[in-house]
Protein backbone atom coordinates (compact mmCIF):
# COMPACT_ATOMS: atom_id res chain seq x y z
CA UNK A 1 8.75 37.88 -50.72
CA UNK A 2 9.50 37.73 -47.08
CA UNK A 3 10.65 34.50 -45.51
CA UNK A 4 9.89 33.28 -42.00
CA UNK A 5 13.08 31.83 -40.54
CA UNK A 6 11.50 30.91 -37.16
CA UNK A 7 9.53 28.00 -38.82
CA UNK A 8 12.02 25.79 -40.59
CA UNK A 9 10.94 22.73 -42.16
CA UNK A 10 12.12 19.82 -40.04
CA UNK A 11 14.02 17.12 -41.57
CA UNK A 12 14.60 13.74 -39.96
CA UNK A 13 18.25 13.73 -38.95
CA UNK A 14 18.35 10.43 -37.32
CA UNK A 15 21.30 8.37 -38.21
CA UNK A 16 20.71 4.92 -39.31
CA UNK A 17 23.24 2.27 -38.26
CA UNK A 18 25.39 1.33 -41.20
CA UNK A 19 25.18 -2.39 -40.55
CA UNK A 20 21.70 -3.25 -39.54
CA UNK A 21 21.10 -3.88 -35.87
CA UNK A 22 23.66 -2.96 -33.13
CA UNK A 23 24.46 -5.41 -30.34
CA UNK A 24 23.55 -4.38 -26.74
CA UNK A 25 26.31 -3.68 -24.25
CA UNK A 26 25.33 -6.45 -21.89
CA UNK A 27 25.97 -8.93 -24.74
CA UNK A 28 29.44 -7.65 -25.25
CA UNK A 29 30.15 -7.82 -21.53
CA UNK A 30 28.89 -11.45 -21.49
CA UNK A 31 30.99 -12.52 -24.39
CA UNK A 32 34.10 -10.77 -22.87
CA UNK A 33 33.64 -12.48 -19.53
CA UNK A 34 33.20 -15.89 -21.26
CA UNK A 35 36.38 -15.36 -23.35
CA UNK A 36 38.25 -14.24 -20.33
CA UNK A 37 37.12 -17.36 -18.22
CA UNK A 38 38.28 -19.52 -21.12
CA UNK A 39 41.74 -17.93 -21.27
CA UNK A 40 42.13 -18.33 -17.50
CA UNK A 41 41.03 -22.03 -17.83
CA UNK A 42 43.71 -22.56 -20.53
CA UNK A 43 46.38 -20.91 -18.47
CA UNK A 44 45.33 -23.18 -15.51
CA UNK A 45 45.50 -26.30 -17.63
CA UNK A 46 48.91 -25.26 -18.90
CA UNK A 47 50.27 -24.98 -15.38
CA UNK A 48 48.83 -28.35 -14.46
CA UNK A 49 50.39 -30.14 -17.41
CA UNK A 50 53.67 -31.81 -16.60
CA UNK A 51 56.66 -30.69 -18.52
CA UNK A 52 57.45 -32.91 -21.55
CA UNK A 53 59.83 -35.59 -20.56
CA UNK A 54 63.16 -35.87 -22.36
CA UNK A 55 63.93 -38.99 -24.23
CA UNK A 56 67.40 -40.58 -24.52
CA UNK A 57 67.70 -39.40 -28.16
CA UNK A 58 67.08 -35.75 -27.27
CA UNK A 59 69.29 -35.46 -24.17
CA UNK A 60 72.62 -33.89 -24.67
CA UNK A 61 75.82 -35.58 -23.58
CA UNK A 62 76.18 -33.09 -20.72
CA UNK A 63 73.93 -35.17 -18.51
CA UNK A 64 76.41 -37.96 -18.57
CA UNK A 65 79.03 -35.69 -17.05
CA UNK A 66 76.73 -34.44 -14.27
CA UNK A 67 77.96 -34.76 -10.62
CA UNK A 68 77.00 -37.93 -8.83
CA UNK A 69 73.91 -37.66 -6.64
CA UNK A 70 74.27 -36.45 -3.09
CA UNK A 71 73.70 -39.53 -0.98
CA UNK A 72 72.66 -37.70 2.17
CA UNK A 73 69.10 -38.49 3.18
CA UNK A 74 66.52 -35.74 3.01
CA UNK A 75 65.50 -34.42 6.43
CA UNK A 76 62.27 -35.91 7.82
CA UNK A 77 59.96 -33.73 9.76
CA UNK A 78 58.32 -35.97 12.31
CA UNK A 79 57.81 -33.23 14.88
CA UNK A 80 54.09 -33.04 14.17
CA UNK A 81 53.61 -36.68 14.47
CA UNK A 82 55.67 -36.91 17.69
CA UNK A 83 53.80 -33.92 19.19
CA UNK A 84 50.54 -35.66 18.70
CA UNK A 85 51.66 -38.94 20.11
CA UNK A 86 53.09 -37.36 23.24
CA UNK A 87 50.13 -35.19 23.97
CA UNK A 88 49.02 -35.47 27.65
CA UNK A 89 45.58 -34.61 28.82
CA UNK A 90 45.66 -32.88 32.18
CA UNK A 91 42.54 -33.38 34.35
CA UNK A 92 40.58 -30.40 35.39
CA UNK A 93 41.32 -30.75 39.15
CA UNK A 94 44.52 -31.84 40.52
CA UNK A 95 44.64 -34.84 42.83
CA UNK A 96 45.90 -33.98 46.34
CA UNK A 97 49.52 -34.81 46.73
CA UNK A 98 50.37 -37.29 49.54
CA UNK A 99 53.33 -35.15 50.76
CA UNK A 100 51.03 -32.08 51.29
CA UNK A 101 47.74 -33.35 52.74
CA UNK A 102 46.19 -29.96 52.94
CA UNK A 103 46.71 -26.61 51.39
CA UNK A 104 48.22 -25.03 54.47
CA UNK A 105 51.74 -26.03 55.17
CA UNK A 106 52.61 -27.97 58.28
CA UNK A 107 55.44 -25.55 58.76
CA UNK A 108 55.19 -22.34 60.76
CA UNK A 109 54.33 -19.93 57.99
CA UNK A 110 50.82 -20.13 56.62
CA UNK A 111 50.18 -20.22 52.70
CA UNK A 112 47.19 -19.10 50.82
CA UNK A 113 46.29 -19.94 47.25
CA UNK A 114 44.82 -17.66 44.57
CA UNK A 115 43.53 -18.35 41.10
CA UNK A 116 44.46 -15.77 38.50
CA UNK A 117 41.99 -15.81 35.75
CA UNK A 118 43.20 -13.02 33.58
CA UNK A 119 45.56 -10.05 33.41
CA UNK A 120 44.67 -6.97 31.33
CA UNK A 121 46.25 -3.61 30.44
CA UNK A 122 42.82 -2.13 30.01
CA UNK A 123 40.91 -1.84 33.29
CA UNK A 124 37.54 -2.02 31.53
CA UNK A 125 38.42 -5.61 30.22
CA UNK A 126 39.45 -6.59 33.81
CA UNK A 127 36.21 -5.24 35.34
CA UNK A 128 34.20 -7.09 32.64
CA UNK A 129 35.85 -10.37 33.51
CA UNK A 130 35.38 -9.73 37.24
CA UNK A 131 31.66 -9.11 36.69
CA UNK A 132 31.41 -12.48 34.80
CA UNK A 133 33.18 -14.29 37.65
CA UNK A 134 30.95 -12.67 40.25
CA UNK A 135 27.93 -13.88 38.24
CA UNK A 136 29.35 -17.49 38.67
CA UNK A 137 29.33 -17.00 42.48
CA UNK A 138 33.07 -16.71 42.70
CA UNK A 139 34.86 -14.03 45.03
CA UNK A 140 36.75 -12.16 42.25
CA UNK A 141 38.72 -9.01 42.71
CA UNK A 142 41.19 -6.92 40.65
CA UNK A 143 44.78 -6.33 41.68
CA UNK A 144 46.74 -3.44 40.00
CA UNK A 145 50.40 -4.51 39.35
CA UNK A 146 53.20 -2.41 37.91
CA UNK A 147 55.70 -4.40 35.93
CA UNK A 148 59.32 -3.79 35.08
CA UNK A 149 58.76 -1.33 32.26
CA UNK A 150 56.47 0.80 34.47
CA UNK A 151 53.30 -0.58 32.81
CA UNK A 152 50.14 -0.96 34.86
CA UNK A 153 48.36 -4.22 34.50
CA UNK A 154 45.01 -5.26 36.19
CA UNK A 155 45.02 -8.88 37.39
CA UNK A 156 41.69 -10.64 37.94
CA UNK A 157 42.06 -12.88 41.01
CA UNK A 158 39.66 -15.39 42.60
CA UNK A 159 40.39 -16.26 46.21
CA UNK A 160 42.26 -16.44 48.55
CA UNK A 161 41.70 -20.06 49.54
CA UNK A 162 43.03 -21.82 52.56
CA UNK A 163 40.88 -24.99 52.16
CA UNK A 164 41.60 -27.47 49.39
CA UNK A 165 38.10 -28.32 48.84
CA UNK A 166 37.15 -24.66 48.27
CA UNK A 167 40.05 -24.36 45.87
CA UNK A 168 39.04 -27.28 43.85
CA UNK A 169 35.51 -26.26 43.72
CA UNK A 170 36.41 -22.86 42.33
CA UNK A 171 38.70 -24.49 39.80
CA UNK A 172 35.99 -26.91 38.62
CA UNK A 173 33.50 -23.89 38.21
CA UNK A 174 36.19 -22.04 36.08
CA UNK A 175 36.92 -25.05 34.03
CA UNK A 176 33.24 -25.83 33.43
CA UNK A 177 32.77 -22.21 32.01
CA UNK A 178 35.97 -22.48 29.87
CA UNK A 179 38.15 -20.13 31.90
CA UNK A 180 41.86 -20.97 32.24
CA UNK A 181 43.16 -20.19 35.76
CA UNK A 182 46.68 -19.99 37.09
CA UNK A 183 47.15 -21.11 40.60
CA UNK A 184 49.42 -18.78 42.67
CA UNK A 185 50.77 -19.53 46.10
CA UNK A 186 51.76 -16.63 48.52
CA UNK A 187 51.98 -15.61 52.04
CA UNK A 188 48.81 -14.17 53.62
CA UNK A 189 48.81 -10.35 53.80
């Protein structure tokens, strides 16, 4: 009798776990994390614990032959305390000196003062600072300077000033807007 091999009787080939229910993977991950944290905690406690002290009965006789203690005192680092104590707060504007009543010298050669607000290797940064200073109503300009290595730097300058009142006014505007300025003195061009 002919047999139809296309239609096989299907048998249930599912494997059954040998030991009842299997634990989900997230539970194994959680248990591993808890055990790992516990081991890290134990190592942390081990490092915090002081080493056991030796008693006289357990100390060998070699300690009696140890060299006498070095009696030089340990260095004290008082620099940080001294630095804080000697801090001097500089006022935002300088008081006019009695020896120079005005910015211009009484001598024959005239002098002008400039405020250097920044110096940048990148001209875009210098132009950005110049724009910020112009928005504060300060006369800012950029000077290109070549230094000793042939590098080109862009200095952002405010001024020139020949009047002490205008110089102090510009400095107070810069200080109020958190700009540090360096005052330069030079002969007028």
